């Protein structure tokens, strides 16, 4: 999902370079959760650090898209 977003000019944070070492690419899946790869344990652990975590949260760098999806990129907290 991260590569698709970046390839299409969508600004999506990815401080760790897509290595599941941060949660800056956190997205919320609005539709199509069934069209994403299964979540692995390392993604689930890293998501615990994401601001605004929901039951529909995923890390874009770890989610392989297999069909249509609709996501929302949550606002990033001010530093």
PDB file of N, CA and C in Angstrom:
ATOM      1  N   UNK A   1       0.818  -1.185   0.000  1.00  0.00           N
ATOM      2  CA  UNK A   1       0.000   0.000   0.000  1.00  0.00           C
ATOM      3  C   UNK A   1       0.869   1.258   0.000  1.00  0.00           C
ATOM      4  N   UNK A   2       1.955   1.240   0.746  1.00  0.00           N
ATOM      5  CA  UNK A   2       2.834   2.404   0.798  1.00  0.00           C
ATOM      6  C   UNK A   2       3.393   2.720  -0.580  1.00  0.00           C
ATOM      7  N   UNK A   3       3.902   1.727  -1.274  1.00  0.00           N
ATOM      8  CA  UNK A   3       4.456   1.957  -2.615  1.00  0.00           C
ATOM      9  C   UNK A   3       3.397   2.511  -3.563  1.00  0.00           C
ATOM     10  N   UNK A   4       2.189   1.978  -3.516  1.00  0.00           N
ATOM     11  CA  UNK A   4       1.113   2.453  -4.387  1.00  0.00           C
ATOM     12  C   UNK A   4       0.782   3.912  -4.087  1.00  0.00           C
ATOM     13  N   UNK A   5       0.738   4.262  -2.813  1.00  0.00           N
ATOM     14  CA  UNK A   5       0.453   5.647  -2.439  1.00  0.00           C
ATOM     15  C   UNK A   5       1.539   6.577  -2.968  1.00  0.00           C
ATOM     16  N   UNK A   6       2.791   6.233  -2.716  1.00  0.00           N
ATOM     17  CA  UNK A   6       3.897   7.088  -3.151  1.00  0.00           C
ATOM     18  C   UNK A   6       3.980   7.175  -4.676  1.00  0.00           C
ATOM     19  N   UNK A   7       3.737   6.060  -5.358  1.00  0.00           N
ATOM     20  CA  UNK A   7       3.764   6.051  -6.827  1.00  0.00           C
ATOM     21  C   UNK A   7       2.689   6.940  -7.431  1.00  0.00           C
ATOM     22  N   UNK A   8       1.642   7.210  -6.654  1.00  0.00           N
ATOM     23  CA  UNK A   8       0.536   8.023  -7.143  1.00  0.00           C
ATOM     24  C   UNK A   8       0.498   9.412  -6.525  1.00  0.00           C
ATOM     25  N   UNK A   9       1.621   9.841  -5.970  1.00  0.00           N
ATOM     26  CA  UNK A   9       1.746  11.203  -5.472  1.00  0.00           C
ATOM     27  C   UNK A   9       1.013  11.475  -4.171  1.00  0.00           C
ATOM     28  N   UNK A  10       0.678  10.438  -3.418  1.00  0.00           N
ATOM     29  CA  UNK A  10      -0.013  10.612  -2.139  1.00  0.00           C
ATOM     30  C   UNK A  10       1.044  10.702  -1.047  1.00  0.00           C
ATOM     31  N   UNK A  11       1.047  11.810  -0.343  1.00  0.00           N
ATOM     32  CA  UNK A  11       2.034  12.028   0.717  1.00  0.00           C
ATOM     33  C   UNK A  11       1.667  11.165   1.920  1.00  0.00           C
ATOM     34  N   UNK A  12       2.456  10.151   2.168  1.00  0.00           N
ATOM     35  CA  UNK A  12       2.228   9.247   3.288  1.00  0.00           C
ATOM     36  C   UNK A  12       3.559   9.068   4.000  1.00  0.00           C
ATOM     37  N   UNK A  13       3.602   9.456   5.269  1.00  0.00           N
ATOM     38  CA  UNK A  13       4.827   9.362   6.040  1.00  0.00           C
ATOM     39  C   UNK A  13       5.369   7.945   6.066  1.00  0.00           C
ATOM     40  N   UNK A  14       6.682   7.841   6.104  1.00  0.00           N
ATOM     41  CA  UNK A  14       7.342   6.533   6.166  1.00  0.00           C
ATOM     42  C   UNK A  14       8.778   6.729   6.655  1.00  0.00           C
ATOM     43  N   UNK A  15       8.891   7.193   7.900  1.00  0.00           N
ATOM     44  CA  UNK A  15      10.190   7.554   8.460  1.00  0.00           C
ATOM     45  C   UNK A  15      11.202   6.420   8.454  1.00  0.00           C
ATOM     46  N   UNK A  16      10.747   5.176   8.583  1.00  0.00           N
ATOM     47  CA  UNK A  16      11.686   4.051   8.655  1.00  0.00           C
ATOM     48  C   UNK A  16      11.973   3.452   7.280  1.00  0.00           C
ATOM     49  N   UNK A  17      11.427   4.048   6.236  1.00  0.00           N
ATOM     50  CA  UNK A  17      11.667   3.533   4.894  1.00  0.00           C
ATOM     51  C   UNK A  17      10.849   2.296   4.567  1.00  0.00           C
ATOM     52  N   UNK A  18       9.766   2.066   5.294  1.00  0.00           N
ATOM     53  CA  UNK A  18       8.901   0.933   5.011  1.00  0.00           C
ATOM     54  C   UNK A  18       9.378  -0.376   5.601  1.00  0.00           C
ATOM     55  N   UNK A  19      10.067  -0.314   6.737  1.00  0.00           N
ATOM     56  CA  UNK A  19      10.640  -1.509   7.350  1.00  0.00           C
ATOM     57  C   UNK A  19       9.934  -1.960   8.623  1.00  0.00           C
ATOM     58  N   UNK A  20       8.755  -1.460   8.871  1.00  0.00           N
ATOM     59  CA  UNK A  20       7.972  -1.836  10.066  1.00  0.00           C
ATOM     60  C   UNK A  20       8.724  -1.508  11.348  1.00  0.00           C
ATOM     61  N   UNK A  21       9.404  -0.356  11.347  1.00  0.00           N
ATOM     62  CA  UNK A  21      10.149   0.060  12.524  1.00  0.00           C
ATOM     63  C   UNK A  21       9.604   1.348  13.133  1.00  0.00           C
ATOM     64  N   UNK A  22       8.480   1.833  12.610  1.00  0.00           N
ATOM     65  CA  UNK A  22       7.808   3.007  13.164  1.00  0.00           C
ATOM     66  C   UNK A  22       6.333   2.885  12.796  1.00  0.00           C
ATOM     67  N   UNK A  23       5.556   3.877  13.126  1.00  0.00           N
ATOM     68  CA  UNK A  23       4.131   3.816  12.768  1.00  0.00           C
ATOM     69  C   UNK A  23       3.690   5.036  11.964  1.00  0.00           C
ATOM     70  N   UNK A  24       4.643   5.695  11.296  1.00  0.00           N
ATOM     71  CA  UNK A  24       4.305   6.916  10.561  1.00  0.00           C
ATOM     72  C   UNK A  24       3.459   6.659   9.323  1.00  0.00           C
ATOM     73  N   UNK A  25       3.390   5.423   8.840  1.00  0.00           N
ATOM     74  CA  UNK A  25       2.556   5.113   7.667  1.00  0.00           C
ATOM     75  C   UNK A  25       1.207   4.519   8.081  1.00  0.00           C
ATOM     76  N   UNK A  26       0.810   4.765   9.329  1.00  0.00           N
ATOM     77  CA  UNK A  26      -0.476   4.293   9.850  1.00  0.00           C
ATOM     78  C   UNK A  26      -1.623   4.872   9.020  1.00  0.00           C
ATOM     79  N   UNK A  27      -2.505   3.985   8.576  1.00  0.00           N
ATOM     80  CA  UNK A  27      -3.713   4.394   7.857  1.00  0.00           C
ATOM     81  C   UNK A  27      -4.908   3.686   8.483  1.00  0.00           C
ATOM     82  N   UNK A  28      -6.086   4.203   8.202  1.00  0.00           N
ATOM     83  CA  UNK A  28      -7.325   3.584   8.655  1.00  0.00           C
ATOM     84  C   UNK A  28      -8.074   3.111   7.418  1.00  0.00           C
ATOM     85  N   UNK A  29      -8.386   1.837   7.379  1.00  0.00           N
ATOM     86  CA  UNK A  29      -9.067   1.239   6.234  1.00  0.00           C
ATOM     87  C   UNK A  29     -10.569   1.471   6.393  1.00  0.00           C
ATOM     88  N   UNK A  30     -11.134   2.216   5.461  1.00  0.00           N
ATOM     89  CA  UNK A  30     -12.564   2.538   5.481  1.00  0.00           C
ATOM     90  C   UNK A  30     -13.358   1.427   4.802  1.00  0.00           C
ATOM     91  N   UNK A  31     -12.852   0.933   3.688  1.00  0.00           N
ATOM     92  CA  UNK A  31     -13.493  -0.153   2.937  1.00  0.00           C
ATOM     93  C   UNK A  31     -12.418  -1.078   2.383  1.00  0.00           C
ATOM     94  N   UNK A  32     -12.733  -2.368   2.319  1.00  0.00           N
ATOM     95  CA  UNK A  32     -11.860  -3.309   1.643  1.00  0.00           C
ATOM     96  C   UNK A  32     -10.822  -3.998   2.505  1.00  0.00           C
ATOM     97  N   UNK A  33     -11.039  -4.057   3.806  1.00  0.00           N
ATOM     98  CA  UNK A  33     -10.073  -4.727   4.682  1.00  0.00           C
ATOM     99  C   UNK A  33      -9.800  -6.159   4.210  1.00  0.00           C
ATOM    100  N   UNK A  34     -10.817  -6.797   3.639  1.00  0.00           N
ATOM    101  CA  UNK A  34     -10.655  -8.173   3.146  1.00  0.00           C
ATOM    102  C   UNK A  34      -9.739  -8.248   1.928  1.00  0.00           C
ATOM    103  N   UNK A  35      -9.431  -7.102   1.323  1.00  0.00           N
ATOM    104  CA  UNK A  35      -8.561  -7.046   0.153  1.00  0.00           C
ATOM    105  C   UNK A  35      -7.108  -6.737   0.504  1.00  0.00           C
ATOM    106  N   UNK A  36      -6.755  -6.889   1.786  1.00  0.00           N
ATOM    107  CA  UNK A  36      -5.385  -6.665   2.239  1.00  0.00           C
ATOM    108  C   UNK A  36      -4.795  -7.963   2.762  1.00  0.00           C
ATOM    109  N   UNK A  37      -3.484  -8.057   2.705  1.00  0.00           N
ATOM    110  CA  UNK A  37      -2.789  -9.214   3.273  1.00  0.00           C
ATOM    111  C   UNK A  37      -3.079  -9.296   4.766  1.00  0.00           C
ATOM    112  N   UNK A  38      -2.909 -10.484   5.317  1.00  0.00           N
ATOM    113  CA  UNK A  38      -3.101 -10.677   6.751  1.00  0.00           C
ATOM    114  C   UNK A  38      -2.048  -9.903   7.530  1.00  0.00           C
ATOM    115  N   UNK A  39      -2.431  -9.453   8.718  1.00  0.00           N
ATOM    116  CA  UNK A  39      -1.515  -8.709   9.568  1.00  0.00           C
ATOM    117  C   UNK A  39      -0.574  -9.685  10.286  1.00  0.00           C
ATOM    118  N   UNK A  40       0.702  -9.382  10.241  1.00  0.00           N
ATOM    119  CA  UNK A  40       1.694 -10.189  10.956  1.00  0.00           C
ATOM    120  C   UNK A  40       1.891  -9.619  12.362  1.00  0.00           C
ATOM    121  N   UNK A  41       2.510 -10.417  13.218  1.00  0.00           N
ATOM    122  CA  UNK A  41       2.711 -10.007  14.609  1.00  0.00           C
ATOM    123  C   UNK A  41       3.527  -8.731  14.739  1.00  0.00           C
ATOM    124  N   UNK A  42       4.582  -8.568  13.904  1.00  0.00           N
ATOM    125  CA  UNK A  42       5.411  -7.368  14.019  1.00  0.00           C
ATOM    126  C   UNK A  42       4.631  -6.110  13.664  1.00  0.00           C
ATOM    127  N   UNK A  43       3.725  -6.209  12.689  1.00  0.00           N
ATOM    128  CA  UNK A  43       2.885  -5.056  12.356  1.00  0.00           C
ATOM    129  C   UNK A  43       1.944  -4.751  13.510  1.00  0.00           C
ATOM    130  N   UNK A  44       1.332  -5.772  14.059  1.00  0.00           N
ATOM    131  CA  UNK A  44       0.407  -5.572  15.184  1.00  0.00           C
ATOM    132  C   UNK A  44       1.119  -4.918  16.368  1.00  0.00           C
ATOM    133  N   UNK A  45       2.328  -5.359  16.664  1.00  0.00           N
ATOM    134  CA  UNK A  45       3.111  -4.767  17.756  1.00  0.00           C
ATOM    135  C   UNK A  45       3.433  -3.305  17.486  1.00  0.00           C
ATOM    136  N   UNK A  46       3.843  -2.986  16.250  1.00  0.00           N
ATOM    137  CA  UNK A  46       4.199  -1.610  15.908  1.00  0.00           C
ATOM    138  C   UNK A  46       2.969  -0.704  15.892  1.00  0.00           C
ATOM    139  N   UNK A  47       1.821  -1.237  15.507  1.00  0.00           N
ATOM    140  CA  UNK A  47       0.599  -0.432  15.491  1.00  0.00           C
ATOM    141  C   UNK A  47       0.236   0.073  16.886  1.00  0.00           C
ATOM    142  N   UNK A  48       0.645  -0.650  17.910  1.00  0.00           N
ATOM    143  CA  UNK A  48       0.358  -0.209  19.281  1.00  0.00           C
ATOM    144  C   UNK A  48       0.945   1.161  19.578  1.00  0.00           C
ATOM    145  N   UNK A  49       1.926   1.606  18.793  1.00  0.00           N
ATOM    146  CA  UNK A  49       2.543   2.911  19.009  1.00  0.00           C
ATOM    147  C   UNK A  49       1.889   4.016  18.165  1.00  0.00           C
ATOM    148  N   UNK A  50       0.928   3.655  17.324  1.00  0.00           N
ATOM    149  CA  UNK A  50       0.300   4.627  16.425  1.00  0.00           C
ATOM    150  C   UNK A  50      -0.697   5.503  17.171  1.00  0.00           C
ATOM    151  N   UNK A  51      -0.687   6.778  16.856  1.00  0.00           N
ATOM    152  CA  UNK A  51      -1.655   7.716  17.408  1.00  0.00           C
ATOM    153  C   UNK A  51      -2.976   7.529  16.670  1.00  0.00           C
ATOM    154  N   UNK A  52      -4.072   7.456  17.402  1.00  0.00           N
ATOM    155  CA  UNK A  52      -5.382   7.330  16.776  1.00  0.00           C
ATOM    156  C   UNK A  52      -5.708   5.923  16.318  1.00  0.00           C
ATOM    157  N   UNK A  53      -5.139   4.936  16.962  1.00  0.00           N
ATOM    158  CA  UNK A  53      -5.329   3.533  16.603  1.00  0.00           C
ATOM    159  C   UNK A  53      -6.806   3.149  16.635  1.00  0.00           C
ATOM    160  N   UNK A  54      -7.249   2.402  15.610  1.00  0.00           N
ATOM    161  CA  UNK A  54      -8.616   1.896  15.552  1.00  0.00           C
ATOM    162  C   UNK A  54      -8.570   0.411  15.198  1.00  0.00           C
ATOM    163  N   UNK A  55      -9.707  -0.236  15.224  1.00  0.00           N
ATOM    164  CA  UNK A  55      -9.783  -1.642  14.829  1.00  0.00           C
ATOM    165  C   UNK A  55      -9.530  -1.817  13.338  1.00  0.00           C
ATOM    166  N   UNK A  56      -9.602  -0.733  12.566  1.00  0.00           N
ATOM    167  CA  UNK A  56      -9.367  -0.775  11.126  1.00  0.00           C
ATOM    168  C   UNK A  56      -7.993  -0.224  10.747  1.00  0.00           C
ATOM    169  N   UNK A  57      -7.108  -0.061  11.716  1.00  0.00           N
ATOM    170  CA  UNK A  57      -5.776   0.486  11.457  1.00  0.00           C
ATOM    171  C   UNK A  57      -4.860  -0.556  10.837  1.00  0.00           C
ATOM    172  N   UNK A  58      -4.012  -0.085   9.935  1.00  0.00           N
ATOM    173  CA  UNK A  58      -2.956  -0.916   9.336  1.00  0.00           C
ATOM    174  C   UNK A  58      -1.747  -0.034   9.091  1.00  0.00           C
ATOM    175  N   UNK A  59      -0.598  -0.665   8.951  1.00  0.00           N
ATOM    176  CA  UNK A  59       0.600   0.037   8.502  1.00  0.00           C
ATOM    177  C   UNK A  59       0.677  -0.143   6.995  1.00  0.00           C
ATOM    178  N   UNK A  60       0.737   0.961   6.283  1.00  0.00           N
ATOM    179  CA  UNK A  60       0.749   0.898   4.816  1.00  0.00           C
ATOM    180  C   UNK A  60       1.956   0.133   4.294  1.00  0.00           C
ATOM    181  N   UNK A  61       3.084   0.189   5.011  1.00  0.00           N
ATOM    182  CA  UNK A  61       4.294  -0.483   4.532  1.00  0.00           C
ATOM    183  C   UNK A  61       4.196  -1.999   4.637  1.00  0.00           C
ATOM    184  N   UNK A  62       3.261  -2.504   5.419  1.00  0.00           N
ATOM    185  CA  UNK A  62       3.145  -3.942   5.629  1.00  0.00           C
ATOM    186  C   UNK A  62       1.920  -4.547   4.955  1.00  0.00           C
ATOM    187  N   UNK A  63       1.083  -3.720   4.360  1.00  0.00           N
ATOM    188  CA  UNK A  63      -0.185  -4.173   3.787  1.00  0.00           C
ATOM    189  C   UNK A  63      -0.069  -4.332   2.276  1.00  0.00           C
ATOM    190  N   UNK A  64      -0.214  -5.549   1.819  1.00  0.00           N
ATOM    191  CA  UNK A  64      -0.238  -5.808   0.384  1.00  0.00           C
ATOM    192  C   UNK A  64      -1.686  -5.755  -0.090  1.00  0.00           C
ATOM    193  N   UNK A  65      -1.924  -4.968  -1.119  1.00  0.00           N
ATOM    194  CA  UNK A  65      -3.268  -4.756  -1.637  1.00  0.00           C
ATOM    195  C   UNK A  65      -3.588  -5.821  -2.678  1.00  0.00           C
ATOM    196  N   UNK A  66      -4.747  -6.469  -2.509  1.00  0.00           N
ATOM    197  CA  UNK A  66      -5.175  -7.530  -3.422  1.00  0.00           C
ATOM    198  C   UNK A  66      -6.484  -7.178  -4.135  1.00  0.00           C
ATOM    199  N   UNK A  67      -6.993  -5.991  -3.912  1.00  0.00           N
ATOM    200  CA  UNK A  67      -8.252  -5.562  -4.517  1.00  0.00           C
ATOM    201  C   UNK A  67      -8.520  -4.122  -4.130  1.00  0.00           C
ATOM    202  N   UNK A  68      -9.730  -3.671  -4.356  1.00  0.00           N
ATOM    203  CA  UNK A  68     -10.089  -2.289  -4.072  1.00  0.00           C
ATOM    204  C   UNK A  68     -10.126  -2.023  -2.571  1.00  0.00           C
ATOM    205  N   UNK A  69      -9.591  -0.865  -2.193  1.00  0.00           N
ATOM    206  CA  UNK A  69      -9.626  -0.418  -0.807  1.00  0.00           C
ATOM    207  C   UNK A  69      -9.894   1.077  -0.778  1.00  0.00           C
ATOM    208  N   UNK A  70     -10.336   1.541   0.366  1.00  0.00           N
ATOM    209  CA  UNK A  70     -10.502   2.972   0.611  1.00  0.00           C
ATOM    210  C   UNK A  70      -9.917   3.225   1.991  1.00  0.00           C
ATOM    211  N   UNK A  71      -8.977   4.176   2.067  1.00  0.00           N
ATOM    212  CA  UNK A  71      -8.312   4.454   3.337  1.00  0.00           C
ATOM    213  C   UNK A  71      -8.431   5.919   3.705  1.00  0.00           C
ATOM    214  N   UNK A  72      -8.146   6.184   4.971  1.00  0.00           N
ATOM    215  CA  UNK A  72      -8.028   7.558   5.464  1.00  0.00           C
ATOM    216  C   UNK A  72      -6.669   7.649   6.133  1.00  0.00           C
ATOM    217  N   UNK A  73      -5.950   8.693   5.836  1.00  0.00           N
ATOM    218  CA  UNK A  73      -4.665   8.953   6.486  1.00  0.00           C
ATOM    219  C   UNK A  73      -4.945   9.874   7.669  1.00  0.00           C
ATOM    220  N   UNK A  74      -4.763   9.365   8.890  1.00  0.00           N
ATOM    221  CA  UNK A  74      -5.067  10.212  10.055  1.00  0.00           C
ATOM    222  C   UNK A  74      -4.093  11.366  10.166  1.00  0.00           C
ATOM    223  N   UNK A  75      -4.527  12.475  10.754  1.00  0.00           N
ATOM    224  CA  UNK A  75      -3.616  13.604  10.952  1.00  0.00           C
ATOM    225  C   UNK A  75      -2.464  13.215  11.870  1.00  0.00           C
ATOM    226  N   UNK A  76      -1.298  13.722  11.567  1.00  0.00           N
ATOM    227  CA  UNK A  76      -0.123  13.436  12.376  1.00  0.00           C
ATOM    228  C   UNK A  76      -0.062  14.442  13.535  1.00  0.00           C
ATOM    229  N   UNK A  77       0.325  13.984  14.730  1.00  0.00           N
ATOM    230  CA  UNK A  77       0.402  14.898  15.868  1.00  0.00           C
ATOM    231  C   UNK A  77       1.510  15.931  15.684  1.00  0.00           C
ATOM    232  N   UNK A  78       1.286  17.108  16.223  1.00  0.00           N
ATOM    233  CA  UNK A  78       2.308  18.162  16.181  1.00  0.00           C
ATOM    234  C   UNK A  78       3.464  17.773  17.089  1.00  0.00           C
ATOM    235  N   UNK A  79       4.651  18.069  16.650  1.00  0.00           N
ATOM    236  CA  UNK A  79       5.842  17.734  17.453  1.00  0.00           C
ATOM    237  C   UNK A  79       6.285  18.925  18.246  1.00  0.00           C
TER     238      UNK A  79
END
